[in-house]
Amino acid sequence: RFRFEAPFAVAAGAAPRPRPLDGVAVAVRSPDPFVRQAATAQIEASGGRVARQAGVTLIDHAMAEDGALMVKPSQGEAIILLKAGERDLIDRYRAAGFHGYLIKPLRRASLAERVLAAAGRRKGLAAPTARAQDDDRVTPVAFKGLRVLLVEDNPVGALLAKTLLRREGCVVQTAADGHEALLTLKEARFDLIFMDMRMPRMDGPAAARALRERGERTPIVALTANAFAEDRIACLEAGMNDHLTKPLEADALRAALTRWTNVGNRAKVGAQ
């Protein structure tokens, strides 16, 4: 983690930042100081203020002991704070009387929207009449249980790819280079392989050729920092099926998962 500060002049004609929570007090309850600081910063940036007691309380699920459901405060409205992986708790918290949820890390617009919705019954506060839209980080995953081997020697690149894949519901196993991938594929089966092009000991094209020579038919998607045509040609000539450019984007990754894991494409790959 890192941070920096830099002063900038206000652009001529810039519109003032919206302050939808002007006059709204919000209480924050979390055992994590980073969550408390982040929530406070978002509330104050939206024009609100943090108070010990307020009509709306943000409560972190991390305060629940042994994963038990929290009890809604007797006064005011409560919004539960969850991790994306705790999406299964949303309906249970709503049934327990919580007004809604927010996914960590908090997004300013979502926080303001849900706080206003929860405070809507309080006199003088305008609130949306429709139910707040669900956070895109808790939408049902399309590739739940899909087994993916991620071959990447860069720890930062591996972390990013693994995070994106897990958000899609994939079960991810990693290998640090082509040689380790060959050993891993002797022991386990996968639905899809993402393979970096340039790695120590054995690079992506060499690993792909070795896998194809021994009869491995699992689709392989190359990962490379270069978007040149020769890179795509090199990966296809090595026996790979597709090519993605780093840094990975969620939409491109999702498209590759769809393209190479549906039944029709699996049958096509198996017939080659």
Protein backbone atom coordinates (compact mmCIF):
# COMPACT_ATOMS: atom_id res chain seq x y z
CA ARG A 1 0.00 0.00 0.00
CA PHE A 2 1.17 3.52 -0.64
CA ARG A 3 -0.20 7.04 -0.68
CA PHE A 4 0.81 10.46 -1.92
CA GLU A 5 -0.58 13.99 -1.70
CA ALA A 6 -0.39 16.71 -4.34
CA PRO A 7 -2.10 20.12 -4.49
CA PHE A 8 -4.13 20.93 -7.60
CA ALA A 9 -5.91 24.13 -8.56
CA VAL A 10 -9.65 23.92 -9.12
CA ALA A 11 -10.45 23.75 -12.83
CA ALA A 12 -12.18 26.81 -14.22
CA GLY A 13 -15.91 26.26 -14.46
CA ALA A 14 -15.79 23.00 -12.49
CA ALA A 15 -19.08 22.04 -10.91
CA PRO A 16 -19.03 21.60 -7.13
CA ARG A 17 -18.92 17.99 -5.96
CA PRO A 18 -22.38 16.71 -4.95
CA ARG A 19 -22.96 16.47 -1.20
CA PRO A 20 -26.03 14.23 -0.98
CA LEU A 21 -25.61 13.59 2.76
CA ASP A 22 -25.69 17.23 3.88
CA GLY A 23 -27.19 17.32 7.37
CA VAL A 24 -27.24 13.51 7.74
CA ALA A 25 -25.62 11.85 10.77
CA VAL A 26 -24.38 8.28 10.41
CA ALA A 27 -22.95 5.94 13.05
CA VAL A 28 -20.19 3.46 12.12
CA ARG A 29 -19.49 0.25 14.03
CA SER A 30 -16.54 -1.91 12.99
CA PRO A 31 -13.64 -3.60 14.80
CA ASP A 32 -11.35 -2.68 11.87
CA PRO A 33 -9.83 0.83 12.07
CA PHE A 34 -9.32 0.89 8.28
CA VAL A 35 -13.02 0.22 7.69
CA ARG A 36 -13.97 2.94 10.19
CA GLN A 37 -11.59 5.43 8.58
CA ALA A 38 -12.79 4.61 5.07
CA ALA A 39 -16.47 4.89 6.02
CA THR A 40 -15.84 8.18 7.83
CA ALA A 41 -13.98 9.61 4.84
CA GLN A 42 -16.78 8.62 2.43
CA ILE A 43 -19.51 9.99 4.70
CA GLU A 44 -17.75 13.32 5.21
CA ALA A 45 -16.87 13.64 1.51
CA SER A 46 -20.61 13.27 0.79
CA GLY A 47 -21.45 16.07 3.23
CA GLY A 48 -22.54 13.92 6.17
CA ARG A 49 -21.07 13.56 9.62
CA VAL A 50 -20.20 10.58 11.81
CA ALA A 51 -21.84 10.39 15.23
CA ARG A 52 -21.91 7.86 18.06
CA GLN A 53 -25.70 7.67 17.86
CA ALA A 54 -27.57 8.34 14.62
CA GLY A 55 -30.69 7.42 12.71
CA VAL A 56 -28.64 5.25 10.36
CA THR A 57 -25.88 2.90 11.52
CA LEU A 58 -23.32 1.09 9.38
CA ILE A 59 -22.46 -2.22 11.08
CA ASP A 60 -19.56 -4.40 9.98
CA HIS A 61 -20.32 -8.13 9.79
CA ALA A 62 -16.81 -8.64 11.17
CA MET A 63 -18.29 -7.74 14.57
CA ALA A 64 -20.30 -10.96 14.53
CA GLU A 65 -18.78 -13.66 16.69
CA ASP A 66 -18.22 -17.05 15.04
CA GLY A 67 -20.04 -15.81 11.92
CA ALA A 68 -23.33 -15.40 13.78
CA LEU A 69 -25.88 -12.90 12.47
CA MET A 70 -25.87 -9.49 14.07
CA VAL A 71 -28.94 -8.20 15.85
CA LYS A 72 -30.43 -5.07 14.35
CA PRO A 73 -30.17 -2.05 16.67
CA SER A 74 -33.45 -1.19 18.35
CA GLN A 75 -33.22 2.46 17.28
CA GLY A 76 -33.01 3.71 13.70
CA GLU A 77 -32.06 1.85 10.55
CA ALA A 78 -29.02 -0.41 10.08
CA ILE A 79 -26.93 -1.25 7.01
CA ILE A 80 -24.63 -4.26 7.13
CA LEU A 81 -21.07 -4.09 5.74
CA LEU A 82 -19.98 -7.28 4.00
CA LYS A 83 -17.12 -8.65 1.94
CA ALA A 84 -18.00 -9.71 -1.60
CA GLY A 85 -17.51 -13.34 -0.55
CA GLU A 86 -20.21 -12.95 2.11
CA ARG A 87 -22.95 -12.32 -0.46
CA ASP A 88 -24.92 -15.33 0.85
CA LEU A 89 -25.66 -13.37 4.05
CA ILE A 90 -27.50 -10.50 2.34
CA ASP A 91 -30.97 -12.09 2.39
CA ARG A 92 -30.51 -13.29 5.97
CA TYR A 93 -29.61 -9.79 7.15
CA ARG A 94 -32.58 -8.30 5.33
CA ALA A 95 -34.82 -10.88 7.00
CA ALA A 96 -33.31 -9.89 10.36
CA GLY A 97 -34.48 -6.31 9.81
CA PHE A 98 -31.44 -4.63 8.27
CA HIS A 99 -32.34 -2.02 5.68
CA GLY A 100 -29.66 -3.10 3.21
CA TYR A 101 -25.98 -3.84 2.70
CA LEU A 102 -22.74 -2.30 1.46
CA ILE A 103 -19.79 -4.22 0.05
CA LYS A 104 -16.27 -3.48 1.29
CA PRO A 105 -14.27 -1.60 0.10
CA LEU A 106 -17.01 1.03 0.26
CA ARG A 107 -18.00 3.06 -2.79
CA ARG A 108 -19.01 6.66 -2.10
CA ALA A 109 -22.03 6.77 -4.41
CA SER A 110 -23.41 3.47 -3.11
CA LEU A 111 -22.91 4.53 0.51
CA ALA A 112 -24.75 7.82 0.00
CA GLU A 113 -27.57 6.13 -1.91
CA ARG A 114 -28.18 3.46 0.73
CA VAL A 115 -27.88 5.85 3.66
CA LEU A 116 -30.47 8.16 2.10
CA ALA A 117 -32.74 5.20 1.37
CA ALA A 118 -32.45 4.02 4.99
CA ALA A 119 -33.09 7.51 6.33
CA GLY A 120 -35.98 8.12 3.96
CA ARG A 121 -38.65 7.83 6.63
CA ARG A 122 -37.05 10.57 8.69
CA LYS A 123 -38.71 13.94 8.27
CA GLY A 124 -37.06 16.27 5.79
CA LEU A 125 -34.92 13.64 4.06
CA ALA A 126 -35.64 12.80 0.45
CA ALA A 127 -34.96 9.18 -0.41
CA PRO A 128 -35.16 7.12 -3.59
CA THR A 129 -38.48 5.35 -3.90
CA ALA A 130 -36.98 2.35 -5.70
CA ARG A 131 -34.84 -0.23 -4.00
CA ALA A 132 -31.12 0.51 -4.38
CA GLN A 133 -29.47 -1.44 -7.17
CA ASP A 134 -27.47 -4.47 -6.09
CA ASP A 135 -23.71 -4.05 -6.02
CA ASP A 136 -22.10 -5.60 -9.11
CA ARG A 137 -19.60 -7.36 -6.81
CA VAL A 138 -22.33 -9.63 -5.43
CA THR A 139 -24.11 -10.56 -8.64
CA PRO A 140 -24.42 -14.34 -9.15
CA VAL A 141 -21.19 -15.78 -10.54
CA ALA A 142 -21.33 -17.39 -13.97
CA PHE A 143 -18.37 -19.75 -13.65
CA LYS A 144 -18.85 -21.20 -10.19
CA GLY A 145 -16.63 -24.23 -9.61
CA LEU A 146 -14.70 -23.85 -12.88
CA ARG A 147 -11.16 -25.18 -12.32
CA VAL A 148 -8.45 -22.88 -13.67
CA LEU A 149 -4.66 -23.25 -13.70
CA LEU A 150 -2.94 -19.86 -13.67
CA VAL A 151 0.70 -19.99 -14.83
CA GLU A 152 2.36 -16.67 -13.97
CA ASP A 153 5.77 -15.87 -12.48
CA ASN A 154 5.02 -12.26 -11.52
CA PRO A 155 3.39 -12.19 -8.05
CA VAL A 156 1.51 -8.94 -8.71
CA GLY A 157 0.16 -10.17 -12.05
CA ALA A 158 -0.76 -13.50 -10.45
CA LEU A 159 -2.62 -11.77 -7.61
CA LEU A 160 -4.62 -9.60 -10.01
CA ALA A 161 -5.57 -12.50 -12.28
CA LYS A 162 -6.41 -14.77 -9.35
CA THR A 163 -8.63 -12.08 -7.80
CA LEU A 164 -10.53 -11.51 -11.04
CA LEU A 165 -10.97 -15.24 -11.63
CA ARG A 166 -12.22 -15.87 -8.10
CA ARG A 167 -14.75 -13.06 -8.48
CA GLU A 168 -16.16 -15.03 -11.40
CA GLY A 169 -16.48 -18.11 -9.18
CA CYS A 170 -13.44 -19.99 -10.48
CA VAL A 171 -11.34 -22.33 -8.36
CA VAL A 172 -7.79 -21.18 -9.08
CA GLN A 173 -4.51 -23.05 -8.70
CA THR A 174 -1.23 -21.32 -9.56
CA ALA A 175 2.10 -22.37 -11.05
CA ALA A 176 5.19 -20.14 -11.13
CA ASP A 177 6.50 -21.23 -14.56
CA GLY A 178 5.98 -23.65 -17.43
CA HIS A 179 7.94 -26.45 -15.78
CA GLU A 180 5.78 -26.29 -12.65
CA ALA A 181 2.66 -26.23 -14.86
CA LEU A 182 3.73 -29.48 -16.56
CA LEU A 183 4.12 -31.15 -13.15
CA THR A 184 0.81 -29.79 -11.89
CA LEU A 185 -1.09 -31.06 -14.95
CA LYS A 186 0.22 -34.56 -14.31
CA GLU A 187 -1.54 -34.54 -10.95
CA ALA A 188 -4.77 -32.62 -11.60
CA ARG A 189 -7.28 -31.76 -14.32
CA PHE A 190 -8.46 -28.25 -15.19
CA ASP A 191 -11.13 -26.70 -17.38
CA LEU A 192 -8.89 -23.89 -18.61
CA ILE A 193 -5.24 -22.78 -18.44
CA PHE A 194 -4.05 -19.16 -18.42
CA MET A 195 -0.35 -19.10 -19.38
CA ASP A 196 2.09 -16.20 -19.24
CA MET A 197 4.26 -15.97 -22.36
CA ARG A 198 7.56 -14.99 -20.71
CA MET A 199 8.71 -16.92 -17.63
CA PRO A 200 12.00 -18.29 -16.26
CA ARG A 201 13.06 -21.93 -16.76
CA MET A 202 10.27 -22.64 -19.28
CA ASP A 203 8.23 -19.95 -21.00
CA GLY A 204 4.62 -20.16 -22.13
CA PRO A 205 5.10 -21.30 -25.74
CA ALA A 206 7.57 -24.02 -24.70
CA ALA A 207 5.19 -25.27 -22.02
CA ALA A 208 2.24 -25.24 -24.44
CA ARG A 209 4.18 -27.26 -27.03
CA ALA A 210 5.20 -29.80 -24.37
CA LEU A 211 1.61 -30.13 -23.18
CA ARG A 212 0.24 -30.62 -26.70
CA GLU A 213 2.95 -33.19 -27.51
CA ARG A 214 1.90 -35.33 -24.60
CA GLY A 215 -1.79 -35.12 -25.58
CA GLU A 216 -3.08 -32.39 -23.25
CA ARG A 217 -6.22 -30.88 -24.83
CA THR A 218 -7.25 -28.37 -22.15
CA PRO A 219 -7.72 -24.90 -23.74
CA ILE A 220 -4.75 -22.58 -23.11
CA VAL A 221 -5.10 -18.79 -23.11
CA ALA A 222 -1.82 -16.86 -23.42
CA LEU A 223 -1.14 -13.85 -21.18
CA THR A 224 1.32 -11.25 -22.45
CA ALA A 225 2.22 -7.63 -21.81
CA ASN A 226 2.59 -7.09 -25.56
CA ALA A 227 -0.30 -6.73 -28.00
CA PHE A 228 1.73 -7.33 -31.17
CA ALA A 229 0.51 -9.60 -33.93
CA GLU A 230 3.70 -11.69 -33.76
CA ASP A 231 2.96 -12.55 -30.12
CA ARG A 232 -0.48 -13.84 -31.04
CA ILE A 233 0.99 -15.86 -33.91
CA ALA A 234 3.68 -17.32 -31.64
CA CYS A 235 1.18 -18.46 -29.02
CA LEU A 236 -1.13 -20.04 -31.61
CA GLU A 237 1.76 -21.81 -33.33
CA ALA A 238 2.76 -23.24 -29.93
CA GLY A 239 -0.69 -24.81 -29.56
CA MET A 240 -2.43 -22.18 -27.46
CA ASN A 241 -6.03 -21.33 -28.21
CA ASP A 242 -6.31 -17.63 -27.42
CA HIS A 243 -4.42 -14.50 -26.37
CA LEU A 244 -5.10 -11.83 -23.70
CA THR A 245 -3.09 -8.69 -23.08
CA LYS A 246 -1.98 -7.69 -19.57
CA PRO A 247 -2.99 -5.96 -17.41
CA LEU A 248 -6.13 -8.07 -17.49
CA GLU A 249 -9.52 -6.43 -17.70
CA ALA A 250 -12.59 -8.08 -16.21
CA ASP A 251 -14.66 -7.94 -19.42
CA ALA A 252 -11.91 -9.50 -21.56
CA LEU A 253 -11.31 -12.22 -18.98
CA ARG A 254 -15.03 -12.98 -18.76
CA ALA A 255 -15.23 -13.22 -22.55
CA ALA A 256 -12.35 -15.71 -22.61
CA LEU A 257 -13.99 -17.83 -19.91
CA THR A 258 -17.22 -17.89 -21.91
CA ARG A 259 -15.47 -18.65 -25.19
CA TRP A 260 -13.38 -21.57 -23.93
CA THR A 261 -15.52 -23.26 -21.30
CA ASN A 262 -18.92 -23.68 -22.94
CA VAL A 263 -19.94 -27.13 -24.13
CA GLY A 264 -19.68 -26.37 -27.84
CA ASN A 265 -16.13 -25.06 -27.63
CA ARG A 266 -15.02 -27.91 -25.39
CA ALA A 267 -16.23 -30.36 -27.99
CA LYS A 268 -14.40 -28.41 -30.70
CA VAL A 269 -11.13 -28.45 -28.78
CA GLY A 270 -11.46 -32.17 -28.05
CA ALA A 271 -11.93 -32.93 -31.73
CA GLN A 272 -8.71 -31.19 -32.79
